[in-house]
Protein backbone atom coordinates (compact mmCIF):
# COMPACT_ATOMS: atom_id res chain seq x y z
CA UNK A 1 63.00 -76.58 -65.07
CA UNK A 2 66.63 -75.61 -65.42
CA UNK A 3 68.97 -78.56 -64.91
CA UNK A 4 72.03 -78.04 -62.72
CA UNK A 5 75.12 -80.14 -62.14
CA UNK A 6 75.46 -82.35 -59.05
CA UNK A 7 71.68 -82.54 -58.73
CA UNK A 8 69.42 -85.62 -58.62
CA UNK A 9 66.47 -85.87 -61.01
CA UNK A 10 63.60 -88.10 -61.94
CA UNK A 11 63.75 -87.95 -65.76
CA UNK A 12 60.72 -89.14 -67.72
CA UNK A 13 58.65 -88.74 -70.85
CA UNK A 14 55.93 -90.54 -72.73
CA UNK A 15 54.82 -91.11 -76.26
CA UNK A 16 52.94 -88.44 -78.14
CA UNK A 17 49.20 -88.89 -77.46
CA UNK A 18 50.25 -91.59 -74.94
CA UNK A 19 51.15 -93.82 -77.89
CA UNK A 20 53.85 -96.48 -77.90
CA UNK A 21 57.52 -95.52 -78.00
CA UNK A 22 58.70 -99.15 -77.98
CA UNK A 23 57.27 -101.59 -80.51
CA UNK A 24 59.48 -104.66 -80.07
CA UNK A 25 62.35 -105.94 -77.91
CA UNK A 26 65.08 -104.48 -80.08
CA UNK A 27 63.66 -100.96 -79.52
CA UNK A 28 64.21 -101.21 -75.77
CA UNK A 29 67.78 -102.40 -76.32
CA UNK A 30 68.52 -99.66 -78.85
CA UNK A 31 67.03 -97.02 -76.51
CA UNK A 32 69.25 -98.14 -73.61
CA UNK A 33 72.33 -98.38 -75.81
CA UNK A 34 71.78 -94.87 -77.17
CA UNK A 35 71.18 -93.55 -73.65
CA UNK A 36 74.37 -95.22 -72.47
CA UNK A 37 76.38 -93.80 -75.36
CA UNK A 38 74.96 -90.25 -75.55
CA UNK A 39 73.74 -89.42 -72.03
CA UNK A 40 75.36 -91.62 -69.38
CA UNK A 41 78.84 -90.05 -69.70
CA UNK A 42 77.32 -86.89 -68.19
CA UNK A 43 75.23 -88.36 -65.39
CA UNK A 44 75.08 -91.14 -62.81
CA UNK A 45 72.24 -93.59 -63.36
CA UNK A 46 70.57 -95.11 -60.32
CA UNK A 47 67.59 -96.83 -61.89
CA UNK A 48 65.35 -96.93 -64.91
CA UNK A 49 62.20 -98.50 -66.24
CA UNK A 50 61.13 -98.55 -69.88
CA UNK A 51 57.40 -99.01 -70.33
CA UNK A 52 55.67 -99.49 -73.69
CA UNK A 53 54.56 -95.85 -73.89
CA UNK A 54 56.83 -94.04 -71.40
CA UNK A 55 60.08 -94.28 -69.48
CA UNK A 56 61.63 -93.26 -66.15
CA UNK A 57 65.23 -92.70 -65.05
CA UNK A 58 66.60 -91.63 -61.69
CA UNK A 59 69.87 -89.82 -62.35
CA UNK A 60 72.35 -87.28 -61.03
CA UNK A 61 73.59 -84.82 -63.63
CA UNK A 62 77.36 -84.27 -63.50
CA UNK A 63 77.84 -81.83 -66.38
CA UNK A 64 74.79 -79.73 -67.25
CA UNK A 65 75.96 -78.45 -70.63
CA UNK A 66 77.14 -81.82 -71.92
CA UNK A 67 74.09 -83.60 -70.46
CA UNK A 68 71.72 -81.26 -72.30
CA UNK A 69 73.58 -81.77 -75.60
CA UNK A 70 73.68 -85.52 -75.04
CA UNK A 71 70.02 -85.88 -74.19
CA UNK A 72 68.98 -83.75 -77.16
CA UNK A 73 71.05 -85.96 -79.47
CA UNK A 74 69.65 -89.04 -77.75
CA UNK A 75 66.01 -88.09 -78.39
CA UNK A 76 66.73 -87.07 -81.99
CA UNK A 77 68.63 -90.31 -82.62
CA UNK A 78 65.97 -92.56 -81.10
CA UNK A 79 63.03 -90.77 -82.74
CA UNK A 80 64.67 -90.80 -86.18
CA UNK A 81 65.48 -94.50 -85.88
CA UNK A 82 61.94 -95.42 -84.83
CA UNK A 83 60.33 -93.23 -87.50
CA UNK A 84 62.53 -94.78 -90.19
CA UNK A 85 62.10 -98.36 -88.95
CA UNK A 86 58.30 -98.16 -88.69
CA UNK A 87 57.70 -95.76 -91.58
CA UNK A 88 56.22 -93.10 -89.32
CA UNK A 89 56.44 -89.33 -89.36
CA UNK A 90 56.09 -86.67 -86.71
CA UNK A 91 56.88 -86.48 -83.06
CA UNK A 92 57.43 -89.71 -81.17
CA UNK A 93 57.50 -88.09 -77.72
CA UNK A 94 55.04 -85.78 -76.03
CA UNK A 95 57.15 -82.66 -76.01
CA UNK A 96 60.44 -82.16 -74.24
CA UNK A 97 61.50 -84.61 -71.57
CA UNK A 98 60.42 -83.83 -67.99
CA UNK A 99 62.56 -83.68 -64.89
CA UNK A 100 61.63 -83.41 -61.23
CA UNK A 101 64.40 -82.53 -58.84
CA UNK A 102 64.84 -85.01 -56.01
CA UNK A 103 66.00 -82.93 -53.06
CA UNK A 104 65.67 -85.28 -50.12
CA UNK A 105 67.94 -88.25 -49.36
CA UNK A 106 64.96 -90.04 -47.88
CA UNK A 107 63.19 -89.83 -51.25
CA UNK A 108 65.95 -91.71 -53.13
CA UNK A 109 64.69 -95.13 -52.09
CA UNK A 110 61.05 -94.12 -52.67
CA UNK A 111 61.66 -92.95 -56.26
CA UNK A 112 63.68 -96.07 -57.08
CA UNK A 113 60.94 -98.34 -55.77
CA UNK A 114 58.26 -96.30 -57.55
CA UNK A 115 60.12 -96.55 -60.86
CA UNK A 116 60.73 -100.29 -60.49
CA UNK A 117 57.09 -101.03 -59.59
CA UNK A 118 55.71 -99.41 -62.78
CA UNK A 119 55.33 -102.74 -64.67
CA UNK A 120 53.33 -104.20 -61.78
CA UNK A 121 51.11 -101.10 -61.54
CA UNK A 122 50.41 -101.40 -65.27
CA UNK A 123 49.64 -105.14 -64.95
CA UNK A 124 52.41 -106.05 -67.39
CA UNK A 125 53.84 -108.63 -64.98
CA UNK A 126 52.94 -109.97 -61.57
CA UNK A 127 56.52 -110.68 -60.49
CA UNK A 128 58.97 -107.77 -60.50
CA UNK A 129 61.83 -109.99 -61.64
CA UNK A 130 59.91 -110.97 -64.79
CA UNK A 131 60.08 -107.51 -66.34
CA UNK A 132 63.05 -107.25 -68.71
CA UNK A 133 63.13 -103.50 -69.24
CA UNK A 134 63.88 -102.13 -65.81
CA UNK A 135 67.03 -101.94 -63.75
CA UNK A 136 65.58 -104.07 -60.94
CA UNK A 137 67.21 -107.32 -62.11
CA UNK A 138 70.57 -105.57 -62.58
CA UNK A 139 70.65 -105.15 -58.80
CA UNK A 140 70.26 -108.89 -58.34
CA UNK A 141 73.12 -109.60 -60.75
CA UNK A 142 76.87 -109.17 -60.61
CA UNK A 143 77.12 -108.42 -64.35
CA UNK A 144 78.65 -105.12 -65.41
CA UNK A 145 76.09 -102.31 -65.51
CA UNK A 146 75.76 -98.58 -66.17
CA UNK A 147 74.06 -98.27 -62.78
CA UNK A 148 75.63 -96.90 -59.62
CA UNK A 149 74.65 -100.12 -57.85
CA UNK A 150 76.84 -99.83 -54.79
CA UNK A 151 75.59 -96.35 -53.93
CA UNK A 152 71.96 -97.44 -54.31
CA UNK A 153 72.42 -100.57 -52.22
CA UNK A 154 73.99 -98.42 -49.49
CA UNK A 155 70.90 -96.15 -49.50
CA UNK A 156 68.74 -99.22 -48.91
CA UNK A 157 71.11 -100.82 -46.40
CA UNK A 158 72.22 -103.69 -48.62
CA UNK A 159 70.81 -106.06 -51.23
CA UNK A 160 68.45 -107.89 -48.86
CA UNK A 161 66.95 -104.61 -47.69
CA UNK A 162 66.65 -103.46 -51.33
CA UNK A 163 64.64 -106.58 -52.21
CA UNK A 164 62.56 -106.39 -49.00
CA UNK A 165 61.75 -102.71 -49.59
CA UNK A 166 60.40 -103.54 -53.05
CA UNK A 167 58.37 -106.48 -51.67
CA UNK A 168 56.86 -104.35 -48.90
CA UNK A 169 55.84 -101.62 -51.35
CA UNK A 170 54.51 -104.20 -53.78
CA UNK A 171 52.44 -105.86 -51.04
CA UNK A 172 51.05 -102.47 -49.96
CA UNK A 173 50.15 -101.66 -53.57
CA UNK A 174 48.44 -105.03 -54.08
CA UNK A 175 46.54 -104.70 -50.80
CA UNK A 176 45.37 -101.19 -51.70
CA UNK A 177 44.25 -102.44 -55.11
CA UNK A 178 42.35 -105.32 -53.48
CA UNK A 179 40.73 -102.97 -50.98
CA UNK A 180 40.20 -100.38 -53.75
CA UNK A 181 41.89 -97.65 -51.71
């Protein structure tokens, strides 16, 4: 898919052969720092979730050419660092990153909730706030962030609605799992 400026995307990728891309806490931190340095100047970030073998971002690209250079450098930088640190060779990621264009305003809140609920779906945590590698907790905090928090909270109708929306979707997911739907 060709990326265009002023367009919203779900950006994601996973480890080669579905293998790990994060091996310890410092990898997650390095990944986010590299993303912030090399990619975020060319996009708005609305949410993210880093899972042991894959990741998700919801972004809006502001400068296509610079974004594509930045993300290429980001993946090279992260892969080289991981390969060196863990004495590995070869591809860390399963091919080029993937993007799905998000065309509908009504889908913004759905994709954010979907991304944030990944750790629960994978049974990594039972409480959304316990997962350290997603942007969910950044919405509950007043600390400085790379996220476009205010815009996202407006989409949901405020912080309380943001939290409630996640709880409702989590409850539906848990009920469906219980009922095996």
